[in-house]
């Protein structure tokens, strides 16, 4: 069973609206003022790679996509693979709204180029606490969940639940906490 199956289940779900990601802009006030957390200026789009036969076509389209996104935004976009064979499109922008817009643009372009089923998550990093906070947006379910790594391969469940309570009025939060998957060793 691959990481994608572990993260998002084998069952096919209805397509979610990637537009829900824009709720993060309104959640910024709560994050900054109430919780003392600020965007690190870094986010990423995580997707699973194509099959071997589609790889060459996909590789060319992916490079074109990165060039288009780079021309249309002030954000910096780079690409990185991980040890599990998944691809990360890393977005850097100090303007929070531009960061959200570029992440949405990257995901929309991936979907329009036939990669929609490969989209797994968008991850936004926030600093200001003892540990970084990651708000993870699962494309398959159309909802966010908080992730706070603690130590090497542990997480701070209590703080994550506290964040859920504080953010669920502003963000579509995944209600099934068994689906709050951890993503350790994030490249952002």
C-alpha atoms as a PDB file:
ATOM      1  CA  UNK A   1       0.000   0.000   0.000  1.00  0.00           C
ATOM      2  CA  UNK A   2       1.488   3.350  -1.059  1.00  0.00           C
ATOM      3  CA  UNK A   3       1.698   6.572   0.910  1.00  0.00           C
ATOM      4  CA  UNK A   4      -1.210   7.991  -1.083  1.00  0.00           C
ATOM      5  CA  UNK A   5      -3.435   5.085  -0.047  1.00  0.00           C
ATOM      6  CA  UNK A   6      -2.365   5.488   3.558  1.00  0.00           C
ATOM      7  CA  UNK A   7      -2.937   9.246   3.476  1.00  0.00           C
ATOM      8  CA  UNK A   8      -6.165   9.420   1.591  1.00  0.00           C
ATOM      9  CA  UNK A   9      -7.678   5.938   1.512  1.00  0.00           C
ATOM     10  CA  UNK A  10      -8.402   3.644  -1.398  1.00  0.00           C
ATOM     11  CA  UNK A  11     -11.983   4.757  -1.802  1.00  0.00           C
ATOM     12  CA  UNK A  12     -12.691   7.295  -4.543  1.00  0.00           C
ATOM     13  CA  UNK A  13     -14.358  10.381  -3.188  1.00  0.00           C
ATOM     14  CA  UNK A  14     -16.337  13.060  -4.960  1.00  0.00           C
ATOM     15  CA  UNK A  15     -14.220  15.838  -6.384  1.00  0.00           C
ATOM     16  CA  UNK A  16     -13.721  18.617  -3.901  1.00  0.00           C
ATOM     17  CA  UNK A  17     -13.536  22.263  -4.704  1.00  0.00           C
ATOM     18  CA  UNK A  18      -9.990  23.541  -4.553  1.00  0.00           C
ATOM     19  CA  UNK A  19     -11.523  26.975  -3.979  1.00  0.00           C
ATOM     20  CA  UNK A  20     -12.012  26.116  -0.302  1.00  0.00           C
ATOM     21  CA  UNK A  21      -8.311  26.775   0.092  1.00  0.00           C
ATOM     22  CA  UNK A  22      -9.065  30.524  -0.061  1.00  0.00           C
ATOM     23  CA  UNK A  23     -10.725  30.289   3.370  1.00  0.00           C
ATOM     24  CA  UNK A  24      -7.178  30.318   4.706  1.00  0.00           C
ATOM     25  CA  UNK A  25      -6.939  34.042   3.886  1.00  0.00           C
ATOM     26  CA  UNK A  26      -9.765  34.830   6.327  1.00  0.00           C
ATOM     27  CA  UNK A  27      -8.310  32.452   8.915  1.00  0.00           C
ATOM     28  CA  UNK A  28      -5.139  34.531   8.919  1.00  0.00           C
ATOM     29  CA  UNK A  29      -6.547  36.980  11.487  1.00  0.00           C
ATOM     30  CA  UNK A  30      -7.175  34.203  14.004  1.00  0.00           C
ATOM     31  CA  UNK A  31      -3.800  32.624  13.292  1.00  0.00           C
ATOM     32  CA  UNK A  32      -1.868  35.869  13.728  1.00  0.00           C
ATOM     33  CA  UNK A  33      -3.765  37.778  16.409  1.00  0.00           C
ATOM     34  CA  UNK A  34      -5.300  35.067  18.569  1.00  0.00           C
ATOM     35  CA  UNK A  35      -2.648  32.374  18.166  1.00  0.00           C
ATOM     36  CA  UNK A  36       0.501  34.412  17.487  1.00  0.00           C
ATOM     37  CA  UNK A  37       1.343  32.419  14.351  1.00  0.00           C
ATOM     38  CA  UNK A  38       2.665  33.957  11.146  1.00  0.00           C
ATOM     39  CA  UNK A  39       3.084  32.450   7.724  1.00  0.00           C
ATOM     40  CA  UNK A  40       6.645  31.349   7.056  1.00  0.00           C
ATOM     41  CA  UNK A  41       6.157  32.391   3.435  1.00  0.00           C
ATOM     42  CA  UNK A  42       6.429  28.751   2.389  1.00  0.00           C
ATOM     43  CA  UNK A  43       3.869  26.262   1.147  1.00  0.00           C
ATOM     44  CA  UNK A  44       3.853  23.176  -1.042  1.00  0.00           C
ATOM     45  CA  UNK A  45       1.603  21.140  -3.290  1.00  0.00           C
ATOM     46  CA  UNK A  46       2.081  17.396  -2.867  1.00  0.00           C
ATOM     47  CA  UNK A  47       1.140  14.997  -5.644  1.00  0.00           C
ATOM     48  CA  UNK A  48       1.841  11.437  -6.622  1.00  0.00           C
ATOM     49  CA  UNK A  49       3.802  10.789  -9.802  1.00  0.00           C
ATOM     50  CA  UNK A  50       2.380   9.410 -13.015  1.00  0.00           C
ATOM     51  CA  UNK A  51       2.899   5.858 -14.234  1.00  0.00           C
ATOM     52  CA  UNK A  52       6.149   5.134 -16.102  1.00  0.00           C
ATOM     53  CA  UNK A  53       4.578   5.334 -19.577  1.00  0.00           C
ATOM     54  CA  UNK A  54       3.037   8.731 -18.848  1.00  0.00           C
ATOM     55  CA  UNK A  55       6.195  10.023 -17.202  1.00  0.00           C
ATOM     56  CA  UNK A  56       7.899  11.601 -20.253  1.00  0.00           C
ATOM     57  CA  UNK A  57       4.768  13.500 -21.324  1.00  0.00           C
ATOM     58  CA  UNK A  58       4.093  14.488 -17.742  1.00  0.00           C
ATOM     59  CA  UNK A  59       7.663  15.645 -17.172  1.00  0.00           C
ATOM     60  CA  UNK A  60       7.508  17.987 -20.184  1.00  0.00           C
ATOM     61  CA  UNK A  61       4.105  19.357 -19.152  1.00  0.00           C
ATOM     62  CA  UNK A  62       5.275  19.814 -15.566  1.00  0.00           C
ATOM     63  CA  UNK A  63       8.265  21.874 -16.684  1.00  0.00           C
ATOM     64  CA  UNK A  64       6.006  24.024 -18.886  1.00  0.00           C
ATOM     65  CA  UNK A  65       3.613  24.445 -15.963  1.00  0.00           C
ATOM     66  CA  UNK A  66       6.380  25.646 -13.659  1.00  0.00           C
ATOM     67  CA  UNK A  67       7.504  28.164 -16.280  1.00  0.00           C
ATOM     68  CA  UNK A  68       3.943  29.498 -16.721  1.00  0.00           C
ATOM     69  CA  UNK A  69       3.424  29.844 -12.974  1.00  0.00           C
ATOM     70  CA  UNK A  70       6.805  31.547 -12.553  1.00  0.00           C
ATOM     71  CA  UNK A  71       5.921  34.114 -15.240  1.00  0.00           C
ATOM     72  CA  UNK A  72       2.481  34.874 -13.837  1.00  0.00           C
ATOM     73  CA  UNK A  73       3.375  35.354 -10.188  1.00  0.00           C
ATOM     74  CA  UNK A  74       6.027  36.928  -8.019  1.00  0.00           C
ATOM     75  CA  UNK A  75       6.206  33.679  -6.081  1.00  0.00           C
ATOM     76  CA  UNK A  76       9.141  31.334  -6.469  1.00  0.00           C
ATOM     77  CA  UNK A  77       8.201  27.773  -7.371  1.00  0.00           C
ATOM     78  CA  UNK A  78      10.599  24.842  -7.228  1.00  0.00           C
ATOM     79  CA  UNK A  79      10.195  21.111  -7.525  1.00  0.00           C
ATOM     80  CA  UNK A  80      11.508  18.312  -5.338  1.00  0.00           C
ATOM     81  CA  UNK A  81      10.967  14.576  -5.024  1.00  0.00           C
ATOM     82  CA  UNK A  82      10.925  12.748  -1.711  1.00  0.00           C
ATOM     83  CA  UNK A  83      12.080   9.355  -0.451  1.00  0.00           C
ATOM     84  CA  UNK A  84       8.634   7.844  -1.113  1.00  0.00           C
ATOM     85  CA  UNK A  85       8.621   8.872  -4.774  1.00  0.00           C
ATOM     86  CA  UNK A  86       6.145  11.741  -4.338  1.00  0.00           C
ATOM     87  CA  UNK A  87       6.617  15.161  -5.889  1.00  0.00           C
ATOM     88  CA  UNK A  88       6.558  18.475  -4.061  1.00  0.00           C
ATOM     89  CA  UNK A  89       6.023  21.812  -5.770  1.00  0.00           C
ATOM     90  CA  UNK A  90       7.387  24.262  -3.228  1.00  0.00           C
ATOM     91  CA  UNK A  91       6.054  27.819  -3.307  1.00  0.00           C
ATOM     92  CA  UNK A  92       7.782  30.722  -1.570  1.00  0.00           C
ATOM     93  CA  UNK A  93       6.238  34.172  -1.225  1.00  0.00           C
ATOM     94  CA  UNK A  94       6.296  36.581   1.716  1.00  0.00           C
ATOM     95  CA  UNK A  95       2.865  37.958   0.759  1.00  0.00           C
ATOM     96  CA  UNK A  96       0.379  35.529   2.327  1.00  0.00           C
ATOM     97  CA  UNK A  97      -2.436  36.118  -0.155  1.00  0.00           C
ATOM     98  CA  UNK A  98      -0.039  35.710  -3.087  1.00  0.00           C
ATOM     99  CA  UNK A  99       1.200  32.479  -1.496  1.00  0.00           C
ATOM    100  CA  UNK A 100      -2.361  31.119  -1.328  1.00  0.00           C
ATOM    101  CA  UNK A 101      -3.113  32.298  -4.866  1.00  0.00           C
ATOM    102  CA  UNK A 102       0.021  30.675  -6.277  1.00  0.00           C
ATOM    103  CA  UNK A 103      -0.671  27.378  -4.507  1.00  0.00           C
ATOM    104  CA  UNK A 104      -4.187  27.456  -5.951  1.00  0.00           C
ATOM    105  CA  UNK A 105      -2.838  28.332  -9.403  1.00  0.00           C
ATOM    106  CA  UNK A 106      -0.326  25.463  -9.281  1.00  0.00           C
ATOM    107  CA  UNK A 107      -3.035  22.984  -8.249  1.00  0.00           C
ATOM    108  CA  UNK A 108      -5.488  24.315 -10.850  1.00  0.00           C
ATOM    109  CA  UNK A 109      -2.882  24.070 -13.597  1.00  0.00           C
ATOM    110  CA  UNK A 110      -1.997  20.534 -12.531  1.00  0.00           C
ATOM    111  CA  UNK A 111      -5.681  19.583 -12.663  1.00  0.00           C
ATOM    112  CA  UNK A 112      -6.205  21.225 -16.060  1.00  0.00           C
ATOM    113  CA  UNK A 113      -3.225  19.282 -17.434  1.00  0.00           C
ATOM    114  CA  UNK A 114      -4.710  15.969 -16.327  1.00  0.00           C
ATOM    115  CA  UNK A 115      -2.999  15.649 -12.949  1.00  0.00           C
ATOM    116  CA  UNK A 116      -6.125  16.291 -10.840  1.00  0.00           C
ATOM    117  CA  UNK A 117      -6.355  12.733  -9.545  1.00  0.00           C
ATOM    118  CA  UNK A 118      -2.696  12.914  -8.492  1.00  0.00           C
ATOM    119  CA  UNK A 119      -3.194  15.961  -6.241  1.00  0.00           C
ATOM    120  CA  UNK A 120      -2.880  14.931  -2.604  1.00  0.00           C
ATOM    121  CA  UNK A 121      -2.439  18.002  -0.423  1.00  0.00           C
ATOM    122  CA  UNK A 122      -1.403  21.620  -0.085  1.00  0.00           C
ATOM    123  CA  UNK A 123       0.668  22.362   2.985  1.00  0.00           C
ATOM    124  CA  UNK A 124       1.166  25.807   4.551  1.00  0.00           C
ATOM    125  CA  UNK A 125       3.766  26.434   7.250  1.00  0.00           C
ATOM    126  CA  UNK A 126       3.275  28.836  10.158  1.00  0.00           C
ATOM    127  CA  UNK A 127       5.867  29.831  12.748  1.00  0.00           C
ATOM    128  CA  UNK A 128       5.574  31.435  16.177  1.00  0.00           C
ATOM    129  CA  UNK A 129       5.012  28.488  18.477  1.00  0.00           C
ATOM    130  CA  UNK A 130       7.555  26.122  19.990  1.00  0.00           C
ATOM    131  CA  UNK A 131       7.214  23.937  16.912  1.00  0.00           C
ATOM    132  CA  UNK A 132       6.103  24.899  13.407  1.00  0.00           C
ATOM    133  CA  UNK A 133       2.419  24.492  12.592  1.00  0.00           C
ATOM    134  CA  UNK A 134       1.422  23.031   9.252  1.00  0.00           C
ATOM    135  CA  UNK A 135      -2.090  23.477   7.946  1.00  0.00           C
ATOM    136  CA  UNK A 136      -2.662  20.675   5.484  1.00  0.00           C
ATOM    137  CA  UNK A 137      -5.418  20.930   2.885  1.00  0.00           C
ATOM    138  CA  UNK A 138      -6.477  17.532   1.553  1.00  0.00           C
ATOM    139  CA  UNK A 139      -7.688  17.886  -2.032  1.00  0.00           C
ATOM    140  CA  UNK A 140      -9.669  14.641  -1.950  1.00  0.00           C
ATOM    141  CA  UNK A 141     -11.766  15.711   1.052  1.00  0.00           C
ATOM    142  CA  UNK A 142     -11.704  19.488   0.596  1.00  0.00           C
ATOM    143  CA  UNK A 143     -10.729  20.208   4.195  1.00  0.00           C
ATOM    144  CA  UNK A 144      -7.820  21.355   6.341  1.00  0.00           C
ATOM    145  CA  UNK A 145      -6.263  19.742   9.373  1.00  0.00           C
ATOM    146  CA  UNK A 146      -3.510  21.013  11.662  1.00  0.00           C
ATOM    147  CA  UNK A 147      -0.246  19.148  12.063  1.00  0.00           C
ATOM    148  CA  UNK A 148       2.350  20.019  14.694  1.00  0.00           C
ATOM    149  CA  UNK A 149       5.413  17.771  14.616  1.00  0.00           C
ATOM    150  CA  UNK A 150       6.998  17.211  18.001  1.00  0.00           C
ATOM    151  CA  UNK A 151      10.410  15.632  18.115  1.00  0.00           C
ATOM    152  CA  UNK A 152      11.493  13.138  15.486  1.00  0.00           C
ATOM    153  CA  UNK A 153       8.303  11.262  14.533  1.00  0.00           C
ATOM    154  CA  UNK A 154       5.743  12.423  17.081  1.00  0.00           C
ATOM    155  CA  UNK A 155       2.992  15.013  16.933  1.00  0.00           C
ATOM    156  CA  UNK A 156       1.304  17.298  19.444  1.00  0.00           C
ATOM    157  CA  UNK A 157      -2.275  15.997  19.368  1.00  0.00           C
ATOM    158  CA  UNK A 158      -3.475  18.234  22.209  1.00  0.00           C
ATOM    159  CA  UNK A 159      -2.384  21.439  20.445  1.00  0.00           C
ATOM    160  CA  UNK A 160      -3.818  20.172  17.156  1.00  0.00           C
ATOM    161  CA  UNK A 161      -7.228  19.646  18.800  1.00  0.00           C
ATOM    162  CA  UNK A 162      -7.018  23.086  20.381  1.00  0.00           C
ATOM    163  CA  UNK A 163      -6.331  24.575  16.943  1.00  0.00           C
ATOM    164  CA  UNK A 164      -9.278  22.680  15.486  1.00  0.00           C
ATOM    165  CA  UNK A 165     -11.586  24.325  18.020  1.00  0.00           C
ATOM    166  CA  UNK A 166     -10.183  27.784  17.288  1.00  0.00           C
ATOM    167  CA  UNK A 167     -10.136  27.501  13.490  1.00  0.00           C
ATOM    168  CA  UNK A 168     -13.220  25.477  12.569  1.00  0.00           C
ATOM    169  CA  UNK A 169     -15.454  28.566  12.390  1.00  0.00           C
ATOM    170  CA  UNK A 170     -13.219  30.030   9.686  1.00  0.00           C
ATOM    171  CA  UNK A 171     -11.781  27.044   7.832  1.00  0.00           C
ATOM    172  CA  UNK A 172     -13.302  23.835   6.494  1.00  0.00           C
ATOM    173  CA  UNK A 173     -11.675  21.514   9.053  1.00  0.00           C
ATOM    174  CA  UNK A 174     -11.614  17.749   8.547  1.00  0.00           C
ATOM    175  CA  UNK A 175     -14.013  16.508  11.223  1.00  0.00           C
ATOM    176  CA  UNK A 176     -12.779  12.907  11.202  1.00  0.00           C
ATOM    177  CA  UNK A 177      -9.552  13.256  13.187  1.00  0.00           C
ATOM    178  CA  UNK A 178      -8.512   9.750  12.181  1.00  0.00           C
ATOM    179  CA  UNK A 179      -7.895  11.334   8.761  1.00  0.00           C
ATOM    180  CA  UNK A 180      -5.478  13.930  10.131  1.00  0.00           C
ATOM    181  CA  UNK A 181      -2.455  12.287   8.578  1.00  0.00           C
ATOM    182  CA  UNK A 182       1.030  13.254   9.671  1.00  0.00           C
ATOM    183  CA  UNK A 183       3.577  14.362   7.098  1.00  0.00           C
ATOM    184  CA  UNK A 184       7.012  14.269   8.684  1.00  0.00           C
ATOM    185  CA  UNK A 185      10.218  15.670   7.201  1.00  0.00           C
ATOM    186  CA  UNK A 186       8.394  18.288   5.152  1.00  0.00           C
ATOM    187  CA  UNK A 187      10.577  20.205   2.679  1.00  0.00           C
ATOM    188  CA  UNK A 188       9.113  23.551   3.815  1.00  0.00           C
END
